[in-house]
Amino acid sequence: MESQRLLVLSDSHGNSPFLEAVLRWACNDTFDAAVFLGDGIEDLRRASALTGFSCEWNMVRGNNDYATSVPEAAIVDCGGHRFFLCHGHRYALYNGNDRLIAAARKMEADTALFGHTHVPSLENAPGLLLVNPGSIGRPRSNIGSTFAVIDCPPEKPPNVRFWHIDPPGTILELSRR
């Protein structure tokens, strides 16, 4: 099995210029799948069409998305890893990650991808990696607008990298973890 890559985005909240900048940047790379963790599904559809970014999208609905055909949670298998996807608003994230961890474990995931807080984070729970890519459109951290790229080498832990969108749309790597 070869290494696979995921593009992970969340919370664009109508900020189409930054979303378009990320998708233009992504057109110059190779991704096996892309994940959108809610609050901007309609933004994503327009930006994908405008930029020509073509990849398998895995989406979940956020508390500000009203597309009823998009689920609130999903599972994606990539590179030998099982990812639990959710926006996060149903899991009381501001009171800790216990509900999120329980839901991800129930789905037998080894990684939980979530948004909602608008703050990028990477945490380890026993047997589970928790990743929030932050927000493209309305960041709540001093880092600014962010997203993540996850490399999934076979039989190794996922490698999470965070990226920052610097106005007017320059993409810069924040960290390698």
N, C-alpha and C. Protein backbone atom coordinates (compact mmCIF):
# COMPACT_ATOMS: atom_id res chain seq x y z
N MET A 1 0.84 -1.18 0.00
CA MET A 1 0.00 0.00 0.00
C MET A 1 0.89 1.25 0.00
N GLU A 2 0.55 2.22 -0.84
CA GLU A 2 1.31 3.46 -0.92
C GLU A 2 0.77 4.48 0.08
N SER A 3 1.60 5.45 0.38
CA SER A 3 1.18 6.56 1.24
C SER A 3 0.07 7.33 0.54
N GLN A 4 -0.89 7.81 1.31
CA GLN A 4 -1.98 8.61 0.76
C GLN A 4 -2.04 9.95 1.49
N ARG A 5 -2.68 10.94 0.83
CA ARG A 5 -2.74 12.29 1.40
C ARG A 5 -4.17 12.80 1.44
N LEU A 6 -4.47 13.48 2.55
CA LEU A 6 -5.77 14.12 2.75
C LEU A 6 -5.59 15.64 2.88
N LEU A 7 -6.43 16.39 2.20
CA LEU A 7 -6.55 17.83 2.40
C LEU A 7 -7.72 18.02 3.36
N VAL A 8 -7.52 18.76 4.46
CA VAL A 8 -8.56 18.89 5.49
C VAL A 8 -8.87 20.37 5.73
N LEU A 9 -10.13 20.74 5.45
CA LEU A 9 -10.59 22.13 5.56
C LEU A 9 -11.83 22.20 6.43
N SER A 10 -12.05 23.37 7.04
CA SER A 10 -13.26 23.57 7.84
C SER A 10 -13.58 25.05 7.96
N ASP A 11 -14.84 25.32 8.22
CA ASP A 11 -15.31 26.64 8.66
C ASP A 11 -14.89 27.80 7.75
N SER A 12 -15.32 27.76 6.51
CA SER A 12 -15.03 28.89 5.60
C SER A 12 -15.98 30.06 5.84
N HIS A 13 -17.20 29.81 6.24
CA HIS A 13 -18.17 30.85 6.61
C HIS A 13 -18.23 32.00 5.60
N GLY A 14 -18.25 31.65 4.31
CA GLY A 14 -18.41 32.67 3.28
C GLY A 14 -17.13 33.34 2.82
N ASN A 15 -15.99 32.97 3.38
CA ASN A 15 -14.72 33.58 2.98
C ASN A 15 -14.19 32.88 1.73
N SER A 16 -14.83 33.16 0.62
CA SER A 16 -14.48 32.50 -0.63
C SER A 16 -13.07 32.80 -1.12
N PRO A 17 -12.54 34.03 -0.99
CA PRO A 17 -11.18 34.27 -1.48
C PRO A 17 -10.13 33.36 -0.84
N PHE A 18 -10.21 33.14 0.47
CA PHE A 18 -9.24 32.26 1.13
C PHE A 18 -9.46 30.81 0.72
N LEU A 19 -10.71 30.38 0.62
CA LEU A 19 -11.00 29.02 0.20
C LEU A 19 -10.50 28.80 -1.23
N GLU A 20 -10.73 29.73 -2.10
CA GLU A 20 -10.23 29.63 -3.47
C GLU A 20 -8.71 29.58 -3.51
N ALA A 21 -8.04 30.37 -2.67
CA ALA A 21 -6.58 30.35 -2.62
C ALA A 21 -6.06 28.97 -2.23
N VAL A 22 -6.71 28.33 -1.24
CA VAL A 22 -6.29 27.00 -0.82
C VAL A 22 -6.50 25.99 -1.95
N LEU A 23 -7.63 26.07 -2.62
CA LEU A 23 -7.91 25.10 -3.68
C LEU A 23 -6.99 25.31 -4.89
N ARG A 24 -6.65 26.55 -5.20
CA ARG A 24 -5.67 26.80 -6.27
C ARG A 24 -4.31 26.20 -5.89
N TRP A 25 -3.91 26.42 -4.64
CA TRP A 25 -2.67 25.83 -4.13
C TRP A 25 -2.72 24.30 -4.23
N ALA A 26 -3.86 23.72 -3.85
CA ALA A 26 -4.01 22.27 -3.86
C ALA A 26 -3.98 21.69 -5.28
N CYS A 27 -4.36 22.47 -6.26
CA CYS A 27 -4.31 22.01 -7.66
C CYS A 27 -2.88 21.69 -8.08
N ASN A 28 -1.89 22.26 -7.41
CA ASN A 28 -0.49 22.03 -7.75
C ASN A 28 0.12 20.86 -6.99
N ASP A 29 -0.70 20.11 -6.29
CA ASP A 29 -0.22 18.98 -5.50
C ASP A 29 -1.12 17.78 -5.81
N THR A 30 -0.86 16.67 -5.17
CA THR A 30 -1.66 15.46 -5.37
C THR A 30 -2.29 15.07 -4.05
N PHE A 31 -3.60 14.94 -4.06
CA PHE A 31 -4.34 14.50 -2.88
C PHE A 31 -5.21 13.32 -3.27
N ASP A 32 -5.26 12.32 -2.40
CA ASP A 32 -6.09 11.15 -2.65
C ASP A 32 -7.54 11.42 -2.28
N ALA A 33 -7.75 12.32 -1.35
CA ALA A 33 -9.09 12.69 -0.91
C ALA A 33 -9.01 14.05 -0.22
N ALA A 34 -10.16 14.68 -0.14
CA ALA A 34 -10.26 15.96 0.56
C ALA A 34 -11.43 15.88 1.52
N VAL A 35 -11.29 16.58 2.65
CA VAL A 35 -12.29 16.56 3.70
C VAL A 35 -12.71 17.99 4.00
N PHE A 36 -14.03 18.20 4.10
CA PHE A 36 -14.55 19.49 4.55
C PHE A 36 -15.42 19.22 5.76
N LEU A 37 -15.09 19.87 6.88
CA LEU A 37 -15.71 19.57 8.17
C LEU A 37 -16.84 20.52 8.56
N GLY A 38 -17.45 21.14 7.58
CA GLY A 38 -18.67 21.91 7.82
C GLY A 38 -18.50 23.40 7.95
N ASP A 39 -19.66 24.06 7.93
CA ASP A 39 -19.82 25.51 7.97
C ASP A 39 -19.19 26.18 6.75
N GLY A 40 -19.78 25.85 5.61
CA GLY A 40 -19.38 26.46 4.34
C GLY A 40 -19.48 25.52 3.16
N ILE A 41 -20.38 24.54 3.23
CA ILE A 41 -20.49 23.57 2.15
C ILE A 41 -20.79 24.25 0.82
N GLU A 42 -21.67 25.23 0.80
CA GLU A 42 -21.97 25.93 -0.46
C GLU A 42 -20.76 26.71 -0.95
N ASP A 43 -19.97 27.28 -0.04
CA ASP A 43 -18.72 27.96 -0.43
C ASP A 43 -17.81 26.97 -1.15
N LEU A 44 -17.71 25.77 -0.60
CA LEU A 44 -16.83 24.75 -1.14
C LEU A 44 -17.24 24.35 -2.55
N ARG A 45 -18.51 24.16 -2.77
CA ARG A 45 -18.99 23.77 -4.10
C ARG A 45 -18.65 24.84 -5.14
N ARG A 46 -18.88 26.10 -4.81
CA ARG A 46 -18.56 27.20 -5.75
C ARG A 46 -17.06 27.31 -5.98
N ALA A 47 -16.28 27.26 -4.91
CA ALA A 47 -14.82 27.42 -5.04
C ALA A 47 -14.20 26.27 -5.82
N SER A 48 -14.69 25.06 -5.63
CA SER A 48 -14.17 23.90 -6.38
C SER A 48 -14.42 24.09 -7.87
N ALA A 49 -15.62 24.52 -8.21
CA ALA A 49 -15.95 24.74 -9.63
C ALA A 49 -15.11 25.88 -10.22
N LEU A 50 -14.94 26.94 -9.47
CA LEU A 50 -14.20 28.11 -9.96
C LEU A 50 -12.71 27.81 -10.15
N THR A 51 -12.12 27.05 -9.25
CA THR A 51 -10.68 26.79 -9.29
C THR A 51 -10.30 25.56 -10.10
N GLY A 52 -11.27 24.69 -10.37
CA GLY A 52 -10.98 23.46 -11.09
C GLY A 52 -10.38 22.38 -10.21
N PHE A 53 -10.41 22.57 -8.88
CA PHE A 53 -9.88 21.55 -7.99
C PHE A 53 -10.80 20.34 -8.04
N SER A 54 -10.23 19.21 -8.39
CA SER A 54 -11.02 18.00 -8.54
C SER A 54 -10.41 16.90 -7.68
N CYS A 55 -11.18 16.46 -6.73
CA CYS A 55 -10.73 15.41 -5.81
C CYS A 55 -11.98 14.82 -5.18
N GLU A 56 -11.87 13.63 -4.65
CA GLU A 56 -12.99 13.05 -3.92
C GLU A 56 -13.22 13.85 -2.64
N TRP A 57 -14.38 14.52 -2.53
CA TRP A 57 -14.71 15.30 -1.34
C TRP A 57 -15.51 14.44 -0.37
N ASN A 58 -15.11 14.50 0.89
CA ASN A 58 -15.85 13.89 1.98
C ASN A 58 -16.29 15.04 2.87
N MET A 59 -17.59 15.25 2.97
CA MET A 59 -18.10 16.41 3.69
C MET A 59 -19.03 16.00 4.82
N VAL A 60 -19.00 16.80 5.87
CA VAL A 60 -20.00 16.70 6.93
C VAL A 60 -20.59 18.08 7.15
N ARG A 61 -21.81 18.08 7.60
CA ARG A 61 -22.57 19.32 7.80
C ARG A 61 -22.23 19.94 9.15
N GLY A 62 -22.07 21.25 9.16
CA GLY A 62 -21.86 21.99 10.39
C GLY A 62 -23.14 22.63 10.88
N ASN A 63 -23.07 23.32 11.99
CA ASN A 63 -24.26 23.95 12.56
C ASN A 63 -24.75 25.15 11.74
N ASN A 64 -23.96 25.61 10.78
CA ASN A 64 -24.40 26.70 9.90
C ASN A 64 -24.61 26.24 8.46
N ASP A 65 -24.67 24.94 8.24
CA ASP A 65 -24.97 24.37 6.92
C ASP A 65 -26.39 23.85 6.95
N TYR A 66 -27.09 24.09 5.86
CA TYR A 66 -28.48 23.69 5.83
C TYR A 66 -28.78 22.69 4.71
N ALA A 67 -27.73 22.09 4.13
CA ALA A 67 -27.89 21.06 3.11
C ALA A 67 -28.21 19.74 3.80
N THR A 68 -29.46 19.34 3.74
CA THR A 68 -29.88 18.17 4.50
C THR A 68 -29.32 16.87 3.96
N SER A 69 -28.84 16.84 2.73
CA SER A 69 -28.33 15.59 2.17
C SER A 69 -26.91 15.27 2.66
N VAL A 70 -26.26 16.22 3.31
CA VAL A 70 -24.90 16.01 3.81
C VAL A 70 -24.99 15.52 5.26
N PRO A 71 -24.31 14.42 5.59
CA PRO A 71 -24.42 13.87 6.95
C PRO A 71 -23.70 14.72 7.99
N GLU A 72 -24.05 14.52 9.25
CA GLU A 72 -23.37 15.22 10.35
C GLU A 72 -22.10 14.51 10.78
N ALA A 73 -21.94 13.26 10.41
CA ALA A 73 -20.73 12.51 10.74
C ALA A 73 -20.50 11.50 9.62
N ALA A 74 -19.24 11.11 9.46
CA ALA A 74 -18.89 10.14 8.42
C ALA A 74 -17.58 9.45 8.80
N ILE A 75 -17.30 8.38 8.09
CA ILE A 75 -16.04 7.65 8.22
C ILE A 75 -15.34 7.66 6.87
N VAL A 76 -14.03 7.87 6.88
CA VAL A 76 -13.21 7.80 5.67
C VAL A 76 -12.01 6.93 5.99
N ASP A 77 -11.76 5.98 5.12
CA ASP A 77 -10.56 5.15 5.25
C ASP A 77 -9.53 5.66 4.25
N CYS A 78 -8.32 5.90 4.73
CA CYS A 78 -7.26 6.43 3.87
C CYS A 78 -5.90 5.94 4.38
N GLY A 79 -5.13 5.34 3.50
CA GLY A 79 -3.78 4.92 3.86
C GLY A 79 -3.70 3.98 5.04
N GLY A 80 -4.70 3.12 5.18
CA GLY A 80 -4.70 2.17 6.29
C GLY A 80 -5.18 2.76 7.61
N HIS A 81 -5.70 3.99 7.56
CA HIS A 81 -6.23 4.64 8.77
C HIS A 81 -7.72 4.88 8.60
N ARG A 82 -8.41 4.90 9.73
CA ARG A 82 -9.85 5.14 9.73
C ARG A 82 -10.10 6.48 10.41
N PHE A 83 -10.68 7.42 9.65
CA PHE A 83 -10.93 8.78 10.12
C PHE A 83 -12.41 8.97 10.42
N PHE A 84 -12.70 9.45 11.61
CA PHE A 84 -14.05 9.86 11.99
C PHE A 84 -14.16 11.35 11.69
N LEU A 85 -15.15 11.75 10.88
CA LEU A 85 -15.34 13.14 10.51
C LEU A 85 -16.59 13.69 11.16
N CYS A 86 -16.49 14.88 11.73
CA CYS A 86 -17.65 15.58 12.24
C CYS A 86 -17.32 17.06 12.32
N HIS A 87 -18.35 17.87 12.40
CA HIS A 87 -18.10 19.30 12.59
C HIS A 87 -17.68 19.55 14.04
N GLY A 88 -18.36 18.91 14.96
CA GLY A 88 -18.00 19.02 16.37
C GLY A 88 -19.06 19.65 17.24
N HIS A 89 -20.02 20.34 16.66
CA HIS A 89 -21.01 21.05 17.46
C HIS A 89 -21.91 20.13 18.28
N ARG A 90 -22.00 18.87 17.94
CA ARG A 90 -22.82 17.91 18.70
C ARG A 90 -22.06 17.23 19.83
N TYR A 91 -20.79 17.62 20.05
CA TYR A 91 -19.95 16.89 20.99
C TYR A 91 -19.44 17.73 22.16
N ALA A 92 -20.05 18.86 22.43
CA ALA A 92 -19.72 19.70 23.60
C ALA A 92 -18.22 19.95 23.71
N LEU A 93 -17.60 20.34 22.61
CA LEU A 93 -16.14 20.51 22.56
C LEU A 93 -15.61 21.55 23.54
N TYR A 94 -16.40 22.54 23.86
CA TYR A 94 -15.93 23.58 24.79
C TYR A 94 -15.84 23.06 26.23
N ASN A 95 -16.36 21.85 26.45
CA ASN A 95 -16.27 21.21 27.76
C ASN A 95 -15.31 20.02 27.75
N GLY A 96 -14.47 19.93 26.73
CA GLY A 96 -13.51 18.83 26.61
C GLY A 96 -13.82 17.96 25.41
N ASN A 97 -13.03 16.93 25.22
CA ASN A 97 -13.16 16.08 24.05
C ASN A 97 -13.75 14.70 24.34
N ASP A 98 -14.27 14.48 25.53
CA ASP A 98 -14.74 13.15 25.92
C ASP A 98 -15.81 12.60 24.97
N ARG A 99 -16.80 13.40 24.62
CA ARG A 99 -17.88 12.93 23.74
C ARG A 99 -17.35 12.63 22.33
N LEU A 100 -16.47 13.48 21.84
CA LEU A 100 -15.86 13.27 20.53
C LEU A 100 -15.05 11.96 20.53
N ILE A 101 -14.26 11.77 21.55
CA ILE A 101 -13.44 10.56 21.66
C ILE A 101 -14.33 9.32 21.70
N ALA A 102 -15.40 9.36 22.48
CA ALA A 102 -16.31 8.21 22.58
C ALA A 102 -16.95 7.90 21.22
N ALA A 103 -17.36 8.94 20.49
CA ALA A 103 -17.98 8.73 19.18
C ALA A 103 -16.99 8.14 18.18
N ALA A 104 -15.77 8.65 18.18
CA ALA A 104 -14.74 8.15 17.26
C ALA A 104 -14.38 6.70 17.59
N ARG A 105 -14.28 6.39 18.86
CA ARG A 105 -13.96 5.01 19.25
C ARG A 105 -15.10 4.05 18.90
N LYS A 106 -16.33 4.52 19.05
CA LYS A 106 -17.49 3.69 18.69
C LYS A 106 -17.45 3.33 17.21
N MET A 107 -16.92 4.21 16.38
CA MET A 107 -16.81 3.97 14.94
C MET A 107 -15.49 3.29 14.57
N GLU A 108 -14.72 2.91 15.60
CA GLU A 108 -13.44 2.21 15.43
C GLU A 108 -12.44 3.02 14.61
N ALA A 109 -12.46 4.33 14.80
CA ALA A 109 -11.52 5.22 14.12
C ALA A 109 -10.22 5.31 14.90
N ASP A 110 -9.14 5.61 14.21
CA ASP A 110 -7.88 5.88 14.91
C ASP A 110 -7.56 7.37 14.89
N THR A 111 -8.34 8.14 14.10
CA THR A 111 -8.17 9.59 14.03
C THR A 111 -9.54 10.26 13.95
N ALA A 112 -9.74 11.32 14.73
CA ALA A 112 -10.96 12.12 14.66
C ALA A 112 -10.62 13.47 14.05
N LEU A 113 -11.33 13.84 12.99
CA LEU A 113 -11.17 15.15 12.36
C LEU A 113 -12.42 15.96 12.67
N PHE A 114 -12.24 17.17 13.19
CA PHE A 114 -13.38 18.00 13.59
C PHE A 114 -13.05 19.47 13.42
N GLY A 115 -14.07 20.29 13.36
CA GLY A 115 -13.92 21.74 13.24
C GLY A 115 -14.62 22.43 14.41
N HIS A 116 -15.44 23.43 14.08
CA HIS A 116 -16.33 24.14 15.00
C HIS A 116 -15.63 25.14 15.92
N THR A 117 -14.50 24.82 16.51
CA THR A 117 -13.87 25.74 17.46
C THR A 117 -13.07 26.84 16.75
N HIS A 118 -12.75 26.63 15.48
CA HIS A 118 -11.99 27.59 14.66
C HIS A 118 -10.55 27.76 15.12
N VAL A 119 -10.05 26.81 15.89
CA VAL A 119 -8.68 26.85 16.41
C VAL A 119 -7.96 25.56 15.99
N PRO A 120 -6.82 25.66 15.28
CA PRO A 120 -6.12 24.44 14.91
C PRO A 120 -5.56 23.73 16.14
N SER A 121 -5.69 22.40 16.13
CA SER A 121 -5.16 21.64 17.26
C SER A 121 -4.81 20.22 16.83
N LEU A 122 -3.88 19.66 17.55
CA LEU A 122 -3.45 18.28 17.36
C LEU A 122 -3.24 17.70 18.75
N GLU A 123 -4.03 16.68 19.10
CA GLU A 123 -3.93 16.07 20.42
C GLU A 123 -3.93 14.56 20.30
N ASN A 124 -3.29 13.91 21.25
CA ASN A 124 -3.31 12.46 21.33
C ASN A 124 -4.15 12.03 22.53
N ALA A 125 -5.07 11.13 22.27
CA ALA A 125 -5.79 10.43 23.33
C ALA A 125 -5.35 8.97 23.18
N PRO A 126 -5.43 8.15 24.20
CA PRO A 126 -4.99 6.76 24.04
C PRO A 126 -5.65 6.09 22.82
N GLY A 127 -4.82 5.72 21.86
CA GLY A 127 -5.30 5.04 20.66
C GLY A 127 -6.03 5.91 19.66
N LEU A 128 -5.99 7.22 19.84
CA LEU A 128 -6.76 8.11 18.97
C LEU A 128 -6.05 9.45 18.80
N LEU A 129 -5.95 9.89 17.56
CA LEU A 129 -5.40 11.20 17.24
C LEU A 129 -6.56 12.15 16.97
N LEU A 130 -6.54 13.34 17.57
CA LEU A 130 -7.59 14.35 17.39
C LEU A 130 -7.00 15.52 16.60
N VAL A 131 -7.63 15.86 15.47
CA VAL A 131 -7.11 16.91 14.60
C VAL A 131 -8.21 17.90 14.26
N ASN A 132 -7.97 19.17 14.56
CA ASN A 132 -8.83 20.26 14.13
C ASN A 132 -7.99 21.13 13.21
N PRO A 133 -8.38 21.30 11.92
CA PRO A 133 -7.58 22.10 11.00
C PRO A 133 -7.68 23.60 11.25
N GLY A 134 -8.55 24.02 12.14
CA GLY A 134 -8.79 25.45 12.35
C GLY A 134 -9.85 25.93 11.37
N SER A 135 -9.85 27.21 11.10
CA SER A 135 -10.86 27.82 10.24
C SER A 135 -10.22 28.58 9.09
N ILE A 136 -10.77 28.39 7.92
CA ILE A 136 -10.33 29.17 6.77
C ILE A 136 -10.93 30.58 6.83
N GLY A 137 -12.17 30.67 7.26
CA GLY A 137 -12.90 31.93 7.13
C GLY A 137 -13.00 32.82 8.35
N ARG A 138 -13.05 32.25 9.53
CA ARG A 138 -13.22 33.03 10.76
C ARG A 138 -12.34 32.48 11.88
N PRO A 139 -11.04 32.64 11.76
CA PRO A 139 -10.15 32.07 12.78
C PRO A 139 -10.35 32.70 14.15
N ARG A 140 -10.15 31.89 15.18
CA ARG A 140 -10.24 32.37 16.56
C ARG A 140 -8.92 32.17 17.30
N SER A 141 -7.84 32.19 16.55
CA SER A 141 -6.52 32.09 17.17
C SER A 141 -5.63 33.17 16.55
N ASN A 142 -4.52 33.45 17.19
CA ASN A 142 -3.62 34.48 16.66
C ASN A 142 -2.84 33.98 15.44
N ILE A 143 -3.00 32.71 15.08
CA ILE A 143 -2.34 32.15 13.90
C ILE A 143 -3.02 32.63 12.63
N GLY A 144 -4.31 32.87 12.68
CA GLY A 144 -5.06 33.28 11.49
C GLY A 144 -5.73 32.09 10.82
N SER A 145 -6.06 32.26 9.56
CA SER A 145 -6.77 31.24 8.79
C SER A 145 -5.86 30.04 8.52
N THR A 146 -6.38 28.84 8.80
CA THR A 146 -5.55 27.63 8.70
C THR A 146 -6.32 26.47 8.08
N PHE A 147 -5.55 25.47 7.65
CA PHE A 147 -6.08 24.18 7.22
C PHE A 147 -4.98 23.15 7.46
N ALA A 148 -5.26 21.88 7.16
CA ALA A 148 -4.28 20.82 7.42
C ALA A 148 -4.12 19.91 6.21
N VAL A 149 -2.96 19.30 6.13
CA VAL A 149 -2.67 18.23 5.18
C VAL A 149 -2.19 17.05 6.02
N ILE A 150 -2.76 15.88 5.75
CA ILE A 150 -2.38 14.68 6.50
C ILE A 150 -1.82 13.65 5.52
N ASP A 151 -0.57 13.28 5.75
CA ASP A 151 0.06 12.20 5.00
C ASP A 151 -0.16 10.91 5.78
N CYS A 152 -0.57 9.87 5.08
CA CYS A 152 -0.90 8.59 5.71
C CYS A 152 0.01 7.49 5.16
N PRO A 153 1.23 7.40 5.69
CA PRO A 153 2.10 6.31 5.24
C PRO A 153 1.61 4.98 5.79
N PRO A 154 1.77 3.91 5.01
CA PRO A 154 1.28 2.61 5.49
C PRO A 154 1.99 2.17 6.77
N GLU A 155 1.18 1.69 7.70
CA GLU A 155 1.66 1.13 8.97
C GLU A 155 2.48 2.10 9.81
N LYS A 156 2.23 3.38 9.63
CA LYS A 156 2.85 4.42 10.45
C LYS A 156 1.76 5.40 10.86
N PRO A 157 1.98 6.16 11.94
CA PRO A 157 0.97 7.15 12.33
C PRO A 157 0.82 8.23 11.26
N PRO A 158 -0.36 8.82 11.16
CA PRO A 158 -0.55 9.93 10.22
C PRO A 158 0.38 11.09 10.56
N ASN A 159 0.86 11.77 9.55
CA ASN A 159 1.72 12.94 9.70
C ASN A 159 0.88 14.18 9.39
N VAL A 160 0.61 15.00 10.39
CA VAL A 160 -0.26 16.17 10.25
C VAL A 160 0.59 17.42 10.09
N ARG A 161 0.29 18.19 9.04
CA ARG A 161 0.94 19.49 8.82
C ARG A 161 -0.13 20.56 8.74
N PHE A 162 0.09 21.66 9.43
CA PHE A 162 -0.83 22.78 9.40
C PHE A 162 -0.27 23.86 8.48
N TRP A 163 -1.20 24.52 7.79
CA TRP A 163 -0.85 25.57 6.85
C TRP A 163 -1.64 26.83 7.18
N HIS A 164 -1.03 27.98 6.94
CA HIS A 164 -1.61 29.29 7.21
C HIS A 164 -1.86 30.00 5.88
N ILE A 165 -2.98 30.69 5.78
CA ILE A 165 -3.30 31.48 4.60
C ILE A 165 -2.99 32.93 4.93
N ASP A 166 -1.95 33.44 4.33
CA ASP A 166 -1.50 34.80 4.58
C ASP A 166 -2.12 35.72 3.54
N PRO A 167 -2.87 36.76 3.96
CA PRO A 167 -3.46 37.66 2.97
C PRO A 167 -2.39 38.20 2.04
N PRO A 168 -2.62 38.26 0.77
CA PRO A 168 -3.89 38.08 0.05
C PRO A 168 -4.14 36.67 -0.43
N GLY A 169 -3.53 35.66 0.14
CA GLY A 169 -3.80 34.29 -0.28
C GLY A 169 -2.55 33.44 -0.42
N THR A 170 -1.44 33.87 0.13
CA THR A 170 -0.22 33.08 0.11
C THR A 170 -0.34 31.95 1.13
N ILE A 171 0.07 30.74 0.75
CA ILE A 171 -0.03 29.58 1.62
C ILE A 171 1.34 29.28 2.21
N LEU A 172 1.43 29.24 3.54
CA LEU A 172 2.68 29.00 4.25
C LEU A 172 2.52 27.85 5.23
N GLU A 173 3.51 26.95 5.31
CA GLU A 173 3.45 25.86 6.27
C GLU A 173 3.74 26.38 7.66
N LEU A 174 2.90 25.99 8.63
CA LEU A 174 3.09 26.40 10.03
C LEU A 174 4.03 25.47 10.77
N SER A 175 3.74 24.17 10.69
CA SER A 175 4.52 23.22 11.45
C SER A 175 4.44 21.85 10.85
N ARG A 176 5.39 21.04 11.20
CA ARG A 176 5.38 19.63 10.82
C ARG A 176 5.39 18.84 12.12
N ARG A 177 4.41 17.97 12.31
CA ARG A 177 4.31 17.22 13.56
C ARG A 177 4.26 15.75 13.28
